[in-house]
Amino acid sequence: MPPEMEIVEKPAVAEPKIIEDIVDKGLGDSVVLSGPTEEPLIKIKKMFDRSWGIVEQALKLNEIEITDKNREEGVFYVNFDPDAQTSDGSELFDGMTFSFFNDEYEEAAYKLTVVWRESNTEVNAELAGQTNMDMLNDDEDFGGSVDAGAKLIKKLYKTIRDDLPLD
């Protein structure tokens, strides 16, 4: 007669935990801010066609008005007022006292240039119709608009790096 064996229930197989995919938004390390503080530029590690769409998405996400664009020339014309935007991108409607004390910049027209260079697409901003020398010479007349162009580039960079919903 064979020995008696104890019947032991099979141990329950642990269901594998389903780890939710963490969806990163934005390009992260595929976008870099470079250049001098006064005239920064965005370098996107994507081909021109893809970068053009990325810049357009970032403008729309920030609700920056595109007045004209020419893909063949790689140019967007936009109206931008850094004082009309808070850190979360929403417009401020806090009343007249806010505008009297914090209206450091006036809304201005900017030319965003999107250009393919070597292995990156570069994006820079300048006042529409102004050369860099004109802007430096007339900086006081434009209420610090050179700095406002830098604010525009930095805002787009942050959106492209962190917030842009990519497909």
N, C-alpha and C. Protein backbone atom coordinates (compact mmCIF):
# COMPACT_ATOMS: atom_id res chain seq x y z
N MET A 1 0.83 -1.16 0.00
CA MET A 1 0.00 0.00 0.00
C MET A 1 0.89 1.25 0.00
N PRO A 2 0.55 2.18 -0.89
CA PRO A 2 1.37 3.39 -0.95
C PRO A 2 1.17 4.26 0.28
N PRO A 3 2.20 5.05 0.56
CA PRO A 3 2.05 5.93 1.73
C PRO A 3 0.96 6.97 1.50
N GLU A 4 0.37 7.38 2.59
CA GLU A 4 -0.67 8.40 2.48
C GLU A 4 -0.03 9.76 2.26
N MET A 5 -0.59 10.45 1.33
CA MET A 5 -0.06 11.79 1.03
C MET A 5 -1.11 12.83 1.41
N GLU A 6 -0.60 13.84 1.97
CA GLU A 6 -1.48 14.94 2.34
C GLU A 6 -1.81 15.75 1.09
N ILE A 7 -3.05 16.08 0.91
CA ILE A 7 -3.44 16.89 -0.24
C ILE A 7 -3.36 18.35 0.18
N VAL A 8 -2.51 19.04 -0.47
CA VAL A 8 -2.31 20.46 -0.18
C VAL A 8 -2.87 21.26 -1.35
N GLU A 9 -3.61 22.28 -1.01
CA GLU A 9 -4.17 23.12 -2.08
C GLU A 9 -3.06 23.88 -2.76
N LYS A 10 -3.28 24.05 -4.02
CA LYS A 10 -2.31 24.83 -4.80
C LYS A 10 -2.26 26.25 -4.27
N PRO A 11 -1.05 26.79 -4.14
CA PRO A 11 -1.00 28.18 -3.70
C PRO A 11 -1.63 29.08 -4.77
N ALA A 12 -2.32 30.07 -4.31
CA ALA A 12 -2.96 31.00 -5.24
C ALA A 12 -1.89 31.76 -6.01
N VAL A 13 -2.09 31.79 -7.29
CA VAL A 13 -1.15 32.54 -8.13
C VAL A 13 -1.53 34.01 -8.04
N ALA A 14 -0.56 34.79 -7.65
CA ALA A 14 -0.82 36.23 -7.53
C ALA A 14 -1.05 36.81 -8.92
N GLU A 15 -2.11 37.52 -9.02
CA GLU A 15 -2.40 38.20 -10.28
C GLU A 15 -1.34 39.27 -10.49
N PRO A 16 -0.78 39.33 -11.66
CA PRO A 16 0.21 40.39 -11.88
C PRO A 16 -0.48 41.76 -11.79
N LYS A 17 0.18 42.63 -11.10
CA LYS A 17 -0.38 43.98 -10.96
C LYS A 17 -0.21 44.70 -12.28
N ILE A 18 -1.26 45.35 -12.67
CA ILE A 18 -1.20 46.13 -13.90
C ILE A 18 -0.72 47.52 -13.53
N ILE A 19 0.42 47.84 -14.03
CA ILE A 19 0.99 49.15 -13.75
C ILE A 19 0.52 50.08 -14.86
N GLU A 20 -0.11 51.15 -14.45
CA GLU A 20 -0.58 52.10 -15.44
C GLU A 20 0.61 52.78 -16.08
N ASP A 21 0.53 52.86 -17.38
CA ASP A 21 1.59 53.57 -18.08
C ASP A 21 1.54 55.04 -17.69
N ILE A 22 2.69 55.56 -17.37
CA ILE A 22 2.77 56.97 -17.06
C ILE A 22 2.95 57.69 -18.39
N VAL A 23 2.00 58.49 -18.72
CA VAL A 23 2.06 59.20 -19.99
C VAL A 23 2.78 60.52 -19.76
N ASP A 24 3.95 60.59 -20.35
CA ASP A 24 4.70 61.84 -20.26
C ASP A 24 4.11 62.80 -21.27
N LYS A 25 3.96 64.00 -20.86
CA LYS A 25 3.53 65.03 -21.79
C LYS A 25 4.77 65.82 -22.18
N GLY A 26 4.72 66.41 -23.30
CA GLY A 26 5.81 67.25 -23.75
C GLY A 26 6.97 66.46 -24.30
N LEU A 27 7.96 67.19 -24.81
CA LEU A 27 9.12 66.57 -25.43
C LEU A 27 10.25 66.27 -24.45
N GLY A 28 10.19 66.84 -23.25
CA GLY A 28 11.24 66.57 -22.26
C GLY A 28 12.61 66.94 -22.77
N ASP A 29 13.51 65.93 -22.83
CA ASP A 29 14.90 66.17 -23.23
C ASP A 29 15.08 66.41 -24.73
N SER A 30 14.01 66.28 -25.51
CA SER A 30 14.12 66.51 -26.95
C SER A 30 14.02 67.98 -27.32
N VAL A 31 13.90 68.84 -26.31
CA VAL A 31 13.85 70.28 -26.55
C VAL A 31 14.80 70.96 -25.56
N VAL A 32 15.53 71.96 -26.06
CA VAL A 32 16.53 72.65 -25.26
C VAL A 32 16.38 74.15 -25.46
N LEU A 33 16.58 74.91 -24.39
CA LEU A 33 16.61 76.37 -24.47
C LEU A 33 18.07 76.78 -24.47
N SER A 34 18.50 77.54 -25.47
CA SER A 34 19.90 77.93 -25.53
C SER A 34 20.03 79.38 -25.99
N GLY A 35 21.26 79.85 -26.05
CA GLY A 35 21.50 81.22 -26.46
C GLY A 35 21.57 82.16 -25.27
N PRO A 36 21.85 83.42 -25.54
CA PRO A 36 21.93 84.40 -24.44
C PRO A 36 20.55 84.65 -23.82
N THR A 37 20.54 85.10 -22.59
CA THR A 37 19.29 85.35 -21.86
C THR A 37 18.41 86.35 -22.59
N GLU A 38 19.01 87.37 -23.21
CA GLU A 38 18.24 88.41 -23.90
C GLU A 38 17.62 87.90 -25.19
N GLU A 39 18.26 86.93 -25.84
CA GLU A 39 17.78 86.40 -27.12
C GLU A 39 17.85 84.88 -27.12
N PRO A 40 17.06 84.22 -26.27
CA PRO A 40 17.13 82.76 -26.24
C PRO A 40 16.49 82.16 -27.48
N LEU A 41 16.84 80.92 -27.76
CA LEU A 41 16.19 80.21 -28.85
C LEU A 41 15.91 78.79 -28.40
N ILE A 42 14.91 78.21 -29.00
CA ILE A 42 14.50 76.85 -28.69
C ILE A 42 15.11 75.93 -29.75
N LYS A 43 15.74 74.84 -29.30
CA LYS A 43 16.24 73.82 -30.22
C LYS A 43 15.41 72.57 -30.00
N ILE A 44 14.73 72.13 -31.06
CA ILE A 44 13.88 70.95 -30.99
C ILE A 44 14.58 69.84 -31.79
N LYS A 45 14.78 68.71 -31.16
CA LYS A 45 15.46 67.59 -31.81
C LYS A 45 14.47 66.77 -32.63
N LYS A 46 13.82 67.44 -33.55
CA LYS A 46 12.87 66.82 -34.47
C LYS A 46 13.07 67.47 -35.84
N MET A 47 12.61 66.80 -36.87
CA MET A 47 12.69 67.35 -38.22
C MET A 47 11.80 68.59 -38.32
N PHE A 48 12.05 69.41 -39.34
CA PHE A 48 11.33 70.66 -39.50
C PHE A 48 9.82 70.48 -39.52
N ASP A 49 9.33 69.53 -40.32
CA ASP A 49 7.88 69.36 -40.46
C ASP A 49 7.22 69.08 -39.12
N ARG A 50 7.81 68.21 -38.33
CA ARG A 50 7.25 67.87 -37.02
C ARG A 50 7.37 69.07 -36.07
N SER A 51 8.50 69.76 -36.11
CA SER A 51 8.73 70.91 -35.24
C SER A 51 7.76 72.04 -35.54
N TRP A 52 7.44 72.25 -36.81
CA TRP A 52 6.48 73.28 -37.21
C TRP A 52 5.15 73.03 -36.51
N GLY A 53 4.69 71.79 -36.56
CA GLY A 53 3.43 71.43 -35.90
C GLY A 53 3.51 71.57 -34.39
N ILE A 54 4.65 71.25 -33.81
CA ILE A 54 4.85 71.37 -32.36
C ILE A 54 4.74 72.83 -31.93
N VAL A 55 5.40 73.72 -32.67
CA VAL A 55 5.36 75.15 -32.34
C VAL A 55 3.93 75.68 -32.47
N GLU A 56 3.24 75.28 -33.52
CA GLU A 56 1.86 75.72 -33.71
C GLU A 56 0.97 75.21 -32.57
N GLN A 57 1.16 73.96 -32.14
CA GLN A 57 0.39 73.43 -31.01
C GLN A 57 0.66 74.23 -29.74
N ALA A 58 1.92 74.56 -29.49
CA ALA A 58 2.29 75.31 -28.28
C ALA A 58 1.67 76.70 -28.30
N LEU A 59 1.64 77.35 -29.46
CA LEU A 59 1.01 78.67 -29.57
C LEU A 59 -0.47 78.58 -29.25
N LYS A 60 -1.14 77.58 -29.82
CA LYS A 60 -2.57 77.42 -29.58
C LYS A 60 -2.86 77.06 -28.13
N LEU A 61 -2.03 76.20 -27.53
CA LEU A 61 -2.22 75.81 -26.14
C LEU A 61 -2.09 77.00 -25.20
N ASN A 62 -1.22 77.94 -25.54
CA ASN A 62 -1.03 79.16 -24.74
C ASN A 62 -1.98 80.28 -25.14
N GLU A 63 -2.85 80.01 -26.10
CA GLU A 63 -3.80 80.99 -26.60
C GLU A 63 -3.12 82.27 -27.08
N ILE A 64 -2.00 82.09 -27.76
CA ILE A 64 -1.28 83.20 -28.37
C ILE A 64 -1.80 83.34 -29.79
N GLU A 65 -2.27 84.53 -30.12
CA GLU A 65 -2.91 84.77 -31.41
C GLU A 65 -1.90 84.69 -32.56
N ILE A 66 -2.16 83.81 -33.50
CA ILE A 66 -1.37 83.71 -34.72
C ILE A 66 -2.04 84.60 -35.76
N THR A 67 -1.35 85.66 -36.17
CA THR A 67 -1.95 86.58 -37.14
C THR A 67 -1.65 86.18 -38.57
N ASP A 68 -0.53 85.47 -38.78
CA ASP A 68 -0.17 85.02 -40.11
C ASP A 68 0.90 83.95 -39.96
N LYS A 69 1.02 83.09 -40.97
CA LYS A 69 2.08 82.08 -40.96
C LYS A 69 2.42 81.71 -42.38
N ASN A 70 3.69 81.33 -42.58
CA ASN A 70 4.16 80.91 -43.89
C ASN A 70 5.13 79.75 -43.67
N ARG A 71 4.65 78.55 -43.92
CA ARG A 71 5.45 77.35 -43.66
C ARG A 71 6.69 77.29 -44.55
N GLU A 72 6.56 77.73 -45.81
CA GLU A 72 7.70 77.70 -46.72
C GLU A 72 8.84 78.56 -46.22
N GLU A 73 8.52 79.70 -45.63
CA GLU A 73 9.55 80.59 -45.08
C GLU A 73 9.87 80.25 -43.63
N GLY A 74 9.05 79.40 -43.01
CA GLY A 74 9.27 79.01 -41.62
C GLY A 74 8.98 80.14 -40.65
N VAL A 75 7.87 80.86 -40.87
CA VAL A 75 7.59 82.05 -40.07
C VAL A 75 6.16 82.03 -39.53
N PHE A 76 6.03 82.36 -38.24
CA PHE A 76 4.74 82.64 -37.62
C PHE A 76 4.76 84.10 -37.22
N TYR A 77 3.67 84.82 -37.43
CA TYR A 77 3.50 86.17 -36.90
C TYR A 77 2.45 86.06 -35.80
N VAL A 78 2.80 86.54 -34.61
CA VAL A 78 1.90 86.41 -33.47
C VAL A 78 1.80 87.72 -32.71
N ASN A 79 0.71 87.88 -31.98
CA ASN A 79 0.57 88.99 -31.03
C ASN A 79 0.74 88.40 -29.64
N PHE A 80 1.60 89.03 -28.82
CA PHE A 80 1.90 88.49 -27.50
C PHE A 80 2.02 89.62 -26.50
N ASP A 81 1.34 89.46 -25.36
CA ASP A 81 1.44 90.39 -24.24
C ASP A 81 1.71 89.56 -22.98
N PRO A 82 2.96 89.54 -22.50
CA PRO A 82 3.28 88.71 -21.33
C PRO A 82 2.54 89.14 -20.07
N ASP A 83 2.08 90.38 -20.00
CA ASP A 83 1.35 90.85 -18.82
C ASP A 83 -0.07 90.30 -18.78
N ALA A 84 -0.59 89.85 -19.91
CA ALA A 84 -1.97 89.36 -19.96
C ALA A 84 -2.06 87.89 -19.58
N GLN A 85 -0.94 87.27 -19.22
CA GLN A 85 -0.93 85.84 -18.92
C GLN A 85 -0.36 85.62 -17.53
N THR A 86 -0.97 84.68 -16.81
CA THR A 86 -0.43 84.27 -15.52
C THR A 86 0.48 83.08 -15.74
N SER A 87 1.03 82.54 -14.68
CA SER A 87 1.93 81.41 -14.80
C SER A 87 1.21 80.17 -15.33
N ASP A 88 -0.10 80.05 -15.13
CA ASP A 88 -0.81 78.88 -15.65
C ASP A 88 -1.39 79.13 -17.04
N GLY A 89 -1.10 80.31 -17.62
CA GLY A 89 -1.51 80.59 -18.98
C GLY A 89 -2.88 81.25 -19.10
N SER A 90 -3.62 81.37 -18.01
CA SER A 90 -4.94 82.00 -18.10
C SER A 90 -4.80 83.51 -18.09
N GLU A 91 -5.75 84.16 -18.68
CA GLU A 91 -5.69 85.61 -18.73
C GLU A 91 -6.14 86.19 -17.40
N LEU A 92 -5.62 87.36 -17.13
CA LEU A 92 -5.95 88.03 -15.87
C LEU A 92 -7.06 89.05 -16.10
N PHE A 93 -8.07 88.98 -15.27
CA PHE A 93 -9.13 89.96 -15.29
C PHE A 93 -9.34 90.45 -13.87
N ASP A 94 -8.25 90.87 -13.23
CA ASP A 94 -8.33 91.25 -11.83
C ASP A 94 -8.67 92.72 -11.62
N GLY A 95 -9.05 93.40 -12.63
CA GLY A 95 -9.47 94.78 -12.44
C GLY A 95 -8.40 95.76 -12.87
N MET A 96 -8.76 97.03 -12.73
CA MET A 96 -7.90 98.11 -13.20
C MET A 96 -6.64 98.26 -12.36
N THR A 97 -6.70 98.00 -11.06
CA THR A 97 -5.50 98.20 -10.25
C THR A 97 -4.37 97.31 -10.72
N PHE A 98 -4.68 96.10 -11.14
CA PHE A 98 -3.63 95.21 -11.60
C PHE A 98 -2.92 95.80 -12.83
N SER A 99 -3.71 96.28 -13.78
CA SER A 99 -3.12 96.78 -15.01
C SER A 99 -2.31 98.06 -14.80
N PHE A 100 -2.68 98.88 -13.82
CA PHE A 100 -1.93 100.10 -13.56
C PHE A 100 -0.54 99.80 -13.00
N PHE A 101 -0.44 98.79 -12.16
CA PHE A 101 0.82 98.54 -11.48
C PHE A 101 1.68 97.47 -12.14
N ASN A 102 1.12 96.58 -12.93
CA ASN A 102 1.89 95.48 -13.48
C ASN A 102 1.95 95.46 -14.99
N ASP A 103 1.57 96.51 -15.67
CA ASP A 103 1.62 96.52 -17.12
C ASP A 103 3.01 96.94 -17.58
N GLU A 104 3.94 96.01 -17.44
CA GLU A 104 5.33 96.30 -17.77
C GLU A 104 5.56 96.27 -19.28
N TYR A 105 4.78 95.46 -20.00
CA TYR A 105 4.94 95.30 -21.44
C TYR A 105 3.61 95.57 -22.14
N GLU A 106 3.72 96.08 -23.36
CA GLU A 106 2.53 96.24 -24.17
C GLU A 106 2.46 95.07 -25.14
N GLU A 107 1.24 94.76 -25.59
CA GLU A 107 1.11 93.71 -26.60
C GLU A 107 1.86 94.15 -27.85
N ALA A 108 2.60 93.23 -28.43
CA ALA A 108 3.38 93.55 -29.62
C ALA A 108 3.31 92.39 -30.60
N ALA A 109 3.58 92.71 -31.85
CA ALA A 109 3.62 91.69 -32.90
C ALA A 109 5.03 91.12 -32.96
N TYR A 110 5.13 89.80 -32.96
CA TYR A 110 6.41 89.11 -33.02
C TYR A 110 6.47 88.20 -34.22
N LYS A 111 7.67 88.04 -34.72
CA LYS A 111 7.94 87.11 -35.81
C LYS A 111 8.70 85.93 -35.20
N LEU A 112 8.08 84.75 -35.23
CA LEU A 112 8.74 83.52 -34.78
C LEU A 112 9.30 82.84 -36.01
N THR A 113 10.59 82.57 -36.00
CA THR A 113 11.23 81.91 -37.12
C THR A 113 11.57 80.48 -36.75
N VAL A 114 11.13 79.53 -37.56
CA VAL A 114 11.38 78.11 -37.35
C VAL A 114 12.30 77.66 -38.49
N VAL A 115 13.54 77.25 -38.14
CA VAL A 115 14.55 76.95 -39.15
C VAL A 115 15.26 75.63 -38.82
N TRP A 116 15.48 74.79 -39.83
CA TRP A 116 16.25 73.55 -39.66
C TRP A 116 17.74 73.89 -39.75
N ARG A 117 18.51 73.51 -38.71
CA ARG A 117 19.96 73.72 -38.70
C ARG A 117 20.63 72.43 -38.25
N GLU A 118 21.45 71.87 -39.10
CA GLU A 118 22.21 70.65 -38.83
C GLU A 118 21.32 69.52 -38.31
N SER A 119 21.18 69.36 -36.99
CA SER A 119 20.41 68.23 -36.46
C SER A 119 19.24 68.67 -35.59
N ASN A 120 18.94 69.96 -35.58
CA ASN A 120 17.85 70.50 -34.76
C ASN A 120 17.03 71.49 -35.56
N THR A 121 15.83 71.72 -35.07
CA THR A 121 15.03 72.82 -35.59
C THR A 121 15.12 73.93 -34.55
N GLU A 122 15.47 75.13 -34.96
CA GLU A 122 15.63 76.26 -34.04
C GLU A 122 14.45 77.22 -34.20
N VAL A 123 14.01 77.74 -33.05
CA VAL A 123 12.90 78.69 -33.03
C VAL A 123 13.37 79.93 -32.28
N ASN A 124 13.26 81.10 -32.91
CA ASN A 124 13.59 82.34 -32.22
C ASN A 124 12.50 83.38 -32.47
N ALA A 125 12.50 84.41 -31.65
CA ALA A 125 11.47 85.46 -31.76
C ALA A 125 12.12 86.82 -31.86
N GLU A 126 11.50 87.68 -32.65
CA GLU A 126 11.92 89.08 -32.73
C GLU A 126 10.69 89.92 -33.01
N LEU A 127 10.77 91.18 -32.67
CA LEU A 127 9.66 92.07 -32.97
C LEU A 127 9.45 92.10 -34.48
N ALA A 128 8.22 92.00 -34.90
CA ALA A 128 7.91 92.01 -36.32
C ALA A 128 8.28 93.36 -36.91
N GLY A 129 9.01 93.34 -38.01
CA GLY A 129 9.38 94.58 -38.68
C GLY A 129 10.58 95.27 -38.07
N GLN A 130 11.20 94.68 -37.06
CA GLN A 130 12.37 95.28 -36.42
C GLN A 130 13.56 94.36 -36.58
N THR A 131 14.73 94.95 -36.82
CA THR A 131 15.95 94.14 -36.79
C THR A 131 16.46 94.14 -35.37
N ASN A 132 17.37 93.25 -35.06
CA ASN A 132 17.92 93.17 -33.71
C ASN A 132 18.59 94.48 -33.30
N MET A 133 19.30 95.13 -34.23
CA MET A 133 19.97 96.40 -33.89
C MET A 133 18.95 97.48 -33.60
N ASP A 134 17.86 97.53 -34.37
CA ASP A 134 16.80 98.51 -34.11
C ASP A 134 16.21 98.29 -32.73
N MET A 135 16.00 97.02 -32.37
CA MET A 135 15.40 96.72 -31.07
C MET A 135 16.33 97.13 -29.94
N LEU A 136 17.62 96.89 -30.10
CA LEU A 136 18.57 97.25 -29.04
C LEU A 136 18.67 98.77 -28.90
N ASN A 137 18.65 99.47 -30.03
CA ASN A 137 18.75 100.93 -29.99
C ASN A 137 17.47 101.58 -29.46
N ASP A 138 16.32 100.98 -29.77
CA ASP A 138 15.03 101.57 -29.41
C ASP A 138 14.36 100.84 -28.26
N ASP A 139 15.10 100.12 -27.45
CA ASP A 139 14.52 99.29 -26.39
C ASP A 139 13.60 100.08 -25.48
N GLU A 140 13.98 101.31 -25.14
CA GLU A 140 13.15 102.12 -24.24
C GLU A 140 11.82 102.48 -24.90
N ASP A 141 11.85 102.71 -26.22
CA ASP A 141 10.63 103.07 -26.93
C ASP A 141 9.62 101.94 -26.96
N PHE A 142 10.11 100.69 -26.86
CA PHE A 142 9.22 99.53 -26.95
C PHE A 142 8.87 98.96 -25.59
N GLY A 143 9.16 99.68 -24.51
CA GLY A 143 8.78 99.22 -23.19
C GLY A 143 9.38 97.89 -22.82
N GLY A 144 10.63 97.66 -23.20
CA GLY A 144 11.29 96.42 -22.83
C GLY A 144 10.87 95.24 -23.67
N SER A 145 10.49 95.46 -24.92
CA SER A 145 9.98 94.37 -25.75
C SER A 145 11.03 93.33 -26.10
N VAL A 146 12.32 93.71 -26.04
CA VAL A 146 13.36 92.71 -26.26
C VAL A 146 13.20 91.61 -25.22
N ASP A 147 13.00 92.00 -23.97
CA ASP A 147 12.79 91.04 -22.90
C ASP A 147 11.48 90.30 -23.09
N ALA A 148 10.46 90.96 -23.63
CA ALA A 148 9.17 90.30 -23.87
C ALA A 148 9.32 89.21 -24.92
N GLY A 149 10.17 89.40 -25.91
CA GLY A 149 10.45 88.34 -26.89
C GLY A 149 11.08 87.14 -26.22
N ALA A 150 11.96 87.39 -25.26
CA ALA A 150 12.57 86.31 -24.48
C ALA A 150 11.50 85.59 -23.66
N LYS A 151 10.55 86.35 -23.12
CA LYS A 151 9.45 85.75 -22.35
C LYS A 151 8.60 84.85 -23.24
N LEU A 152 8.37 85.28 -24.47
CA LEU A 152 7.60 84.48 -25.42
C LEU A 152 8.31 83.15 -25.68
N ILE A 153 9.60 83.20 -25.96
CA ILE A 153 10.37 81.98 -26.24
C ILE A 153 10.38 81.07 -25.02
N LYS A 154 10.59 81.64 -23.83
CA LYS A 154 10.63 80.82 -22.61
C LYS A 154 9.28 80.17 -22.34
N LYS A 155 8.19 80.88 -22.61
CA LYS A 155 6.85 80.34 -22.41
C LYS A 155 6.61 79.17 -23.37
N LEU A 156 6.98 79.35 -24.63
CA LEU A 156 6.82 78.27 -25.60
C LEU A 156 7.70 77.07 -25.24
N TYR A 157 8.93 77.34 -24.80
CA TYR A 157 9.84 76.26 -24.40
C TYR A 157 9.25 75.43 -23.27
N LYS A 158 8.74 76.10 -22.24
CA LYS A 158 8.17 75.39 -21.09
C LYS A 158 6.97 74.54 -21.53
N THR A 159 6.14 75.09 -22.39
CA THR A 159 4.97 74.35 -22.88
C THR A 159 5.40 73.15 -23.70
N ILE A 160 6.36 73.33 -24.60
CA ILE A 160 6.81 72.23 -25.44
C ILE A 160 7.49 71.15 -24.59
N ARG A 161 8.29 71.56 -23.63
CA ARG A 161 9.03 70.61 -22.78
C ARG A 161 8.11 69.85 -21.84
N ASP A 162 7.12 70.53 -21.23
CA ASP A 162 6.37 69.92 -20.14
C ASP A 162 4.92 69.58 -20.45
N ASP A 163 4.24 70.42 -21.21
CA ASP A 163 2.78 70.35 -21.27
C ASP A 163 2.18 69.92 -22.59
N LEU A 164 2.95 69.90 -23.63
CA LEU A 164 2.39 69.67 -24.95
C LEU A 164 1.87 68.24 -25.09
N PRO A 165 0.57 68.08 -25.37
CA PRO A 165 0.05 66.73 -25.59
C PRO A 165 0.49 66.23 -26.96
N LEU A 166 1.33 65.22 -26.97
CA LEU A 166 1.83 64.68 -28.24
C LEU A 166 1.03 63.48 -28.66
N ASP A 167 0.94 63.24 -29.96
CA ASP A 167 0.21 62.08 -30.45
C ASP A 167 1.15 60.97 -30.83
